[in-house]
Amino acid sequence: MADITVADVPDASRYEIRVDGELAGYAAYRGEPRRMVFTHTEIDAAYEGQGLGGRLAAAALDDVRARGLGVRADCPFIAGFIQRHAEYQDLVRS
């Protein structure tokens, strides 16, 4: 089984997902005082179709919630994820 980790990398303004230590994708954001604005999500082609985008989105949104922040999803992937997962809809801030 692969070791999959998601971590916030503030210096790069993104959450990264790694598989066995290799960068598999990221969700870029812009931090604002009371929310994170997600701008772009990308999964490397070698890792597509493995559910990593959903794992990345869930982990990033869980971290945002833990920080007491809201979300604006300019990224279509994150916006779609939130629409499909009602448990994250309360995070949305205009």
C-alpha atoms as a PDB file:
ATOM      1  CA  MET A   1       0.000   0.000   0.000  1.00  0.00           C
ATOM      2  CA  ALA A   2       1.270   3.447  -0.915  1.00  0.00           C
ATOM      3  CA  ASP A   3       2.047   6.067   1.714  1.00  0.00           C
ATOM      4  CA  ILE A   4      -0.167   9.050   0.850  1.00  0.00           C
ATOM      5  CA  THR A   5       0.272  12.362   2.668  1.00  0.00           C
ATOM      6  CA  VAL A   6      -1.259  15.805   2.308  1.00  0.00           C
ATOM      7  CA  ALA A   7       0.466  18.840   3.774  1.00  0.00           C
ATOM      8  CA  ASP A   8       0.102  22.597   3.642  1.00  0.00           C
ATOM      9  CA  VAL A   9       3.201  24.211   2.146  1.00  0.00           C
ATOM     10  CA  PRO A  10       2.728  27.894   3.040  1.00  0.00           C
ATOM     11  CA  ASP A  11       5.889  29.052   1.234  1.00  0.00           C
ATOM     12  CA  ALA A  12       4.360  27.743  -2.018  1.00  0.00           C
ATOM     13  CA  SER A  13       0.771  28.749  -1.091  1.00  0.00           C
ATOM     14  CA  ARG A  14      -0.542  25.277  -1.741  1.00  0.00           C
ATOM     15  CA  TYR A  15      -1.510  21.946  -0.267  1.00  0.00           C
ATOM     16  CA  GLU A  16       0.541  19.115  -1.714  1.00  0.00           C
ATOM     17  CA  ILE A  17      -0.364  15.452  -1.979  1.00  0.00           C
ATOM     18  CA  ARG A  18       2.518  13.000  -2.094  1.00  0.00           C
ATOM     19  CA  VAL A  19       2.568   9.296  -2.858  1.00  0.00           C
ATOM     20  CA  ASP A  20       5.544   7.483  -1.361  1.00  0.00           C
ATOM     21  CA  GLY A  21       7.274  10.859  -1.047  1.00  0.00           C
ATOM     22  CA  GLU A  22       6.738  11.849  -4.679  1.00  0.00           C
ATOM     23  CA  LEU A  23       4.694  14.954  -5.490  1.00  0.00           C
ATOM     24  CA  ALA A  24       1.447  13.764  -7.078  1.00  0.00           C
ATOM     25  CA  GLY A  25      -0.503  17.021  -7.125  1.00  0.00           C
ATOM     26  CA  TYR A  26      -1.431  20.230  -5.380  1.00  0.00           C
ATOM     27  CA  ALA A  27      -4.232  22.660  -4.584  1.00  0.00           C
ATOM     28  CA  ALA A  28      -3.032  26.265  -4.848  1.00  0.00           C
ATOM     29  CA  TYR A  29      -4.556  28.962  -2.691  1.00  0.00           C
ATOM     30  CA  ARG A  30      -4.358  32.602  -1.737  1.00  0.00           C
ATOM     31  CA  GLY A  31      -4.690  33.314   1.956  1.00  0.00           C
ATOM     32  CA  GLU A  32      -6.992  36.083   3.124  1.00  0.00           C
ATOM     33  CA  PRO A  33      -7.727  37.206   6.690  1.00  0.00           C
ATOM     34  CA  ARG A  34     -10.757  34.955   7.271  1.00  0.00           C
ATOM     35  CA  ARG A  35     -10.664  32.542   4.368  1.00  0.00           C
ATOM     36  CA  MET A  36      -8.592  30.626   1.861  1.00  0.00           C
ATOM     37  CA  VAL A  37      -9.246  31.217  -1.815  1.00  0.00           C
ATOM     38  CA  PHE A  38      -8.512  28.046  -3.787  1.00  0.00           C
ATOM     39  CA  THR A  39      -7.337  29.003  -7.275  1.00  0.00           C
ATOM     40  CA  HIS A  40      -6.136  25.822  -8.994  1.00  0.00           C
ATOM     41  CA  THR A  41      -5.902  22.082  -8.370  1.00  0.00           C
ATOM     42  CA  GLU A  42      -3.755  19.722 -10.372  1.00  0.00           C
ATOM     43  CA  ILE A  43      -2.987  16.009 -10.193  1.00  0.00           C
ATOM     44  CA  ASP A  44      -0.028  14.701 -12.198  1.00  0.00           C
ATOM     45  CA  ALA A  45      -1.145  12.535 -15.140  1.00  0.00           C
ATOM     46  CA  ALA A  46       0.745   9.546 -13.709  1.00  0.00           C
ATOM     47  CA  TYR A  47      -1.573   9.617 -10.661  1.00  0.00           C
ATOM     48  CA  GLU A  48      -4.926  10.390 -12.287  1.00  0.00           C
ATOM     49  CA  GLY A  49      -7.856   8.080 -11.675  1.00  0.00           C
ATOM     50  CA  GLN A  50      -6.695   7.023  -8.206  1.00  0.00           C
ATOM     51  CA  GLY A  51      -8.956   9.311  -6.165  1.00  0.00           C
ATOM     52  CA  LEU A  52      -6.088  11.546  -5.122  1.00  0.00           C
ATOM     53  CA  GLY A  53      -7.877  14.756  -6.115  1.00  0.00           C
ATOM     54  CA  GLY A  54     -10.693  13.990  -3.707  1.00  0.00           C
ATOM     55  CA  ARG A  55      -8.281  13.066  -0.935  1.00  0.00           C
ATOM     56  CA  LEU A  56      -6.369  16.294  -1.496  1.00  0.00           C
ATOM     57  CA  ALA A  57      -9.536  18.411  -1.484  1.00  0.00           C
ATOM     58  CA  ALA A  58     -10.915  16.762   1.661  1.00  0.00           C
ATOM     59  CA  ALA A  59      -7.645  17.101   3.562  1.00  0.00           C
ATOM     60  CA  ALA A  60      -7.229  20.757   2.557  1.00  0.00           C
ATOM     61  CA  LEU A  61     -10.812  21.614   3.504  1.00  0.00           C
ATOM     62  CA  ASP A  62     -10.506  19.740   6.810  1.00  0.00           C
ATOM     63  CA  ASP A  63      -7.393  21.785   7.589  1.00  0.00           C
ATOM     64  CA  VAL A  64      -9.152  25.040   6.688  1.00  0.00           C
ATOM     65  CA  ARG A  65     -12.007  24.074   9.043  1.00  0.00           C
ATOM     66  CA  ALA A  66      -9.548  23.228  11.833  1.00  0.00           C
ATOM     67  CA  ARG A  67      -8.048  26.709  11.460  1.00  0.00           C
ATOM     68  CA  GLY A  68     -11.474  28.308  11.814  1.00  0.00           C
ATOM     69  CA  LEU A  69     -11.376  29.761   8.309  1.00  0.00           C
ATOM     70  CA  GLY A  70     -13.793  29.811   5.406  1.00  0.00           C
ATOM     71  CA  VAL A  71     -13.290  29.046   1.725  1.00  0.00           C
ATOM     72  CA  ARG A  72     -13.871  30.676  -1.613  1.00  0.00           C
ATOM     73  CA  ALA A  73     -13.490  28.159  -4.410  1.00  0.00           C
ATOM     74  CA  ASP A  74     -12.355  29.886  -7.594  1.00  0.00           C
ATOM     75  CA  CYS A  75     -10.949  26.515  -8.668  1.00  0.00           C
ATOM     76  CA  PRO A  76     -13.609  24.460 -10.510  1.00  0.00           C
ATOM     77  CA  PHE A  77     -12.380  21.194  -8.987  1.00  0.00           C
ATOM     78  CA  ILE A  78     -12.645  22.431  -5.385  1.00  0.00           C
ATOM     79  CA  ALA A  79     -16.002  24.102  -6.131  1.00  0.00           C
ATOM     80  CA  GLY A  80     -17.356  20.857  -7.579  1.00  0.00           C
ATOM     81  CA  PHE A  81     -16.023  18.850  -4.648  1.00  0.00           C
ATOM     82  CA  ILE A  82     -17.799  21.154  -2.204  1.00  0.00           C
ATOM     83  CA  GLN A  83     -21.043  20.917  -4.193  1.00  0.00           C
ATOM     84  CA  ARG A  84     -20.889  17.100  -4.096  1.00  0.00           C
ATOM     85  CA  HIS A  85     -19.994  16.919  -0.379  1.00  0.00           C
ATOM     86  CA  ALA A  86     -22.549  18.709   1.774  1.00  0.00           C
ATOM     87  CA  GLU A  87     -20.333  18.425   4.850  1.00  0.00           C
ATOM     88  CA  TYR A  88     -18.077  21.163   3.410  1.00  0.00           C
ATOM     89  CA  GLN A  89     -20.719  23.612   2.195  1.00  0.00           C
ATOM     90  CA  ASP A  90     -20.730  25.530   5.476  1.00  0.00           C
ATOM     91  CA  LEU A  91     -17.141  26.616   4.764  1.00  0.00           C
ATOM     92  CA  VAL A  92     -18.087  28.664   1.704  1.00  0.00           C
ATOM     93  CA  ARG A  93     -17.661  32.418   2.194  1.00  0.00           C
ATOM     94  CA  SER A  94     -18.351  34.938  -0.569  1.00  0.00           C
END
